[in-house]
Each structure stands twice: as C-alpha cells, then as structure tokens.
Protein backbone atom coordinates (compact mmCIF):
# COMPACT_ATOMS: atom_id res chain seq x y z
CA UNK A 1 3.72 2.54 9.61
CA UNK A 2 1.33 5.37 9.00
CA UNK A 3 -1.75 6.10 11.04
CA UNK A 4 -4.83 6.10 8.82
CA UNK A 5 -8.00 8.07 9.34
CA UNK A 6 -11.47 6.71 8.56
CA UNK A 7 -11.64 8.54 5.23
CA UNK A 8 -8.34 6.98 4.13
CA UNK A 9 -9.35 3.51 5.31
CA UNK A 10 -12.57 3.67 3.29
CA UNK A 11 -10.54 4.12 0.09
CA UNK A 12 -8.54 0.91 0.53
CA UNK A 13 -9.50 -2.28 -1.27
CA UNK A 14 -10.31 -5.42 0.71
CA UNK A 15 -6.85 -6.86 0.06
CA UNK A 16 -5.13 -3.65 1.14
CA UNK A 17 -7.18 -3.62 4.34
CA UNK A 18 -6.02 -7.15 5.19
CA UNK A 19 -2.38 -6.24 4.50
CA UNK A 20 -2.49 -3.06 6.56
CA UNK A 21 -4.25 -4.85 9.40
CA UNK A 22 -1.56 -7.53 9.54
CA UNK A 23 1.22 -4.92 9.50
CA UNK A 24 -0.38 -2.85 12.24
CA UNK A 25 -1.03 -5.86 14.47
CA UNK A 26 2.62 -6.89 14.12
CA UNK A 27 3.75 -3.38 14.97
CA UNK A 28 1.57 -3.29 18.10
CA UNK A 29 3.01 -6.65 19.15
CA UNK A 30 6.56 -5.34 18.69
CA UNK A 31 5.87 -2.11 20.58
CA UNK A 32 4.28 -4.00 23.47
CA UNK A 33 7.29 -6.30 23.52
CA UNK A 34 9.66 -3.35 23.83
CA UNK A 35 7.66 -1.89 26.70
CA UNK A 36 7.38 -5.19 28.56
CA UNK A 37 11.14 -5.73 28.21
CA UNK A 38 11.66 -2.46 30.05
CA UNK A 39 12.53 -0.28 27.10
CA UNK A 40 11.49 3.33 26.87
CA UNK A 41 9.24 4.33 24.00
CA UNK A 42 10.07 7.26 21.76
CA UNK A 43 6.40 8.13 21.41
CA UNK A 44 4.22 6.88 24.28
CA UNK A 45 0.96 7.53 22.40
CA UNK A 46 2.00 5.33 19.47
CA UNK A 47 0.41 2.12 20.79
CA UNK A 48 -2.89 3.88 21.36
CA UNK A 49 -2.93 5.32 17.84
CA UNK A 50 -2.04 1.94 16.34
CA UNK A 51 -4.87 0.26 18.24
CA UNK A 52 -7.32 2.92 17.08
CA UNK A 53 -6.23 2.48 13.48
CA UNK A 54 -6.72 -1.29 13.80
CA UNK A 55 -10.22 -0.61 15.11
CA UNK A 56 -10.94 1.66 12.13
CA UNK A 57 -9.86 -1.04 9.72
CA UNK A 58 -11.93 -3.72 11.45
CA UNK A 59 -14.95 -1.42 11.48
CA UNK A 60 -14.61 -0.81 7.75
CA UNK A 61 -14.27 -4.55 7.09
CA UNK A 62 -17.41 -5.36 9.06
CA UNK A 63 -19.40 -2.59 7.39
CA UNK A 64 -18.39 -3.97 3.98
CA UNK A 65 -19.58 -7.43 4.99
CA UNK A 66 -22.98 -6.03 5.98
CA UNK A 67 -23.55 -4.54 2.53
C-alpha cells in the first residue's frame, strides 16, 4: 500500500477515501500482529507512516464534513 501525502489525499473522492482508509487500517493491524508475534519488520518506520496516512485521510474526511 502506498503512503499518500495531503495533496494526494485531497484529490480522492469520498468513496476512495473510505476504501483507502479500510485498506490502511487492515495493513496496520497486520503489521502490528507481525511485531507482537515476535517477527522482525523489514521497514521499522512503516507503521508510523501508515498511521500518519490514516490521520491525513481522517482529517480530509472531517474537513469535507464541515463544508
């Protein structure tokens, strides 16, 4: 899954935002499961970037609701 920047997130439609959010949340869950099972991560900063991307998507969704 790609990491999206704020400019990219703003271009998504509402449906695409929901889909990407669900995919990213599932990926974070899987990565956390690997770590808690004792596995080594290939990229230790991946979880942090995924969480930040989720926050960007949620921020865009809330700003669209305000308008």
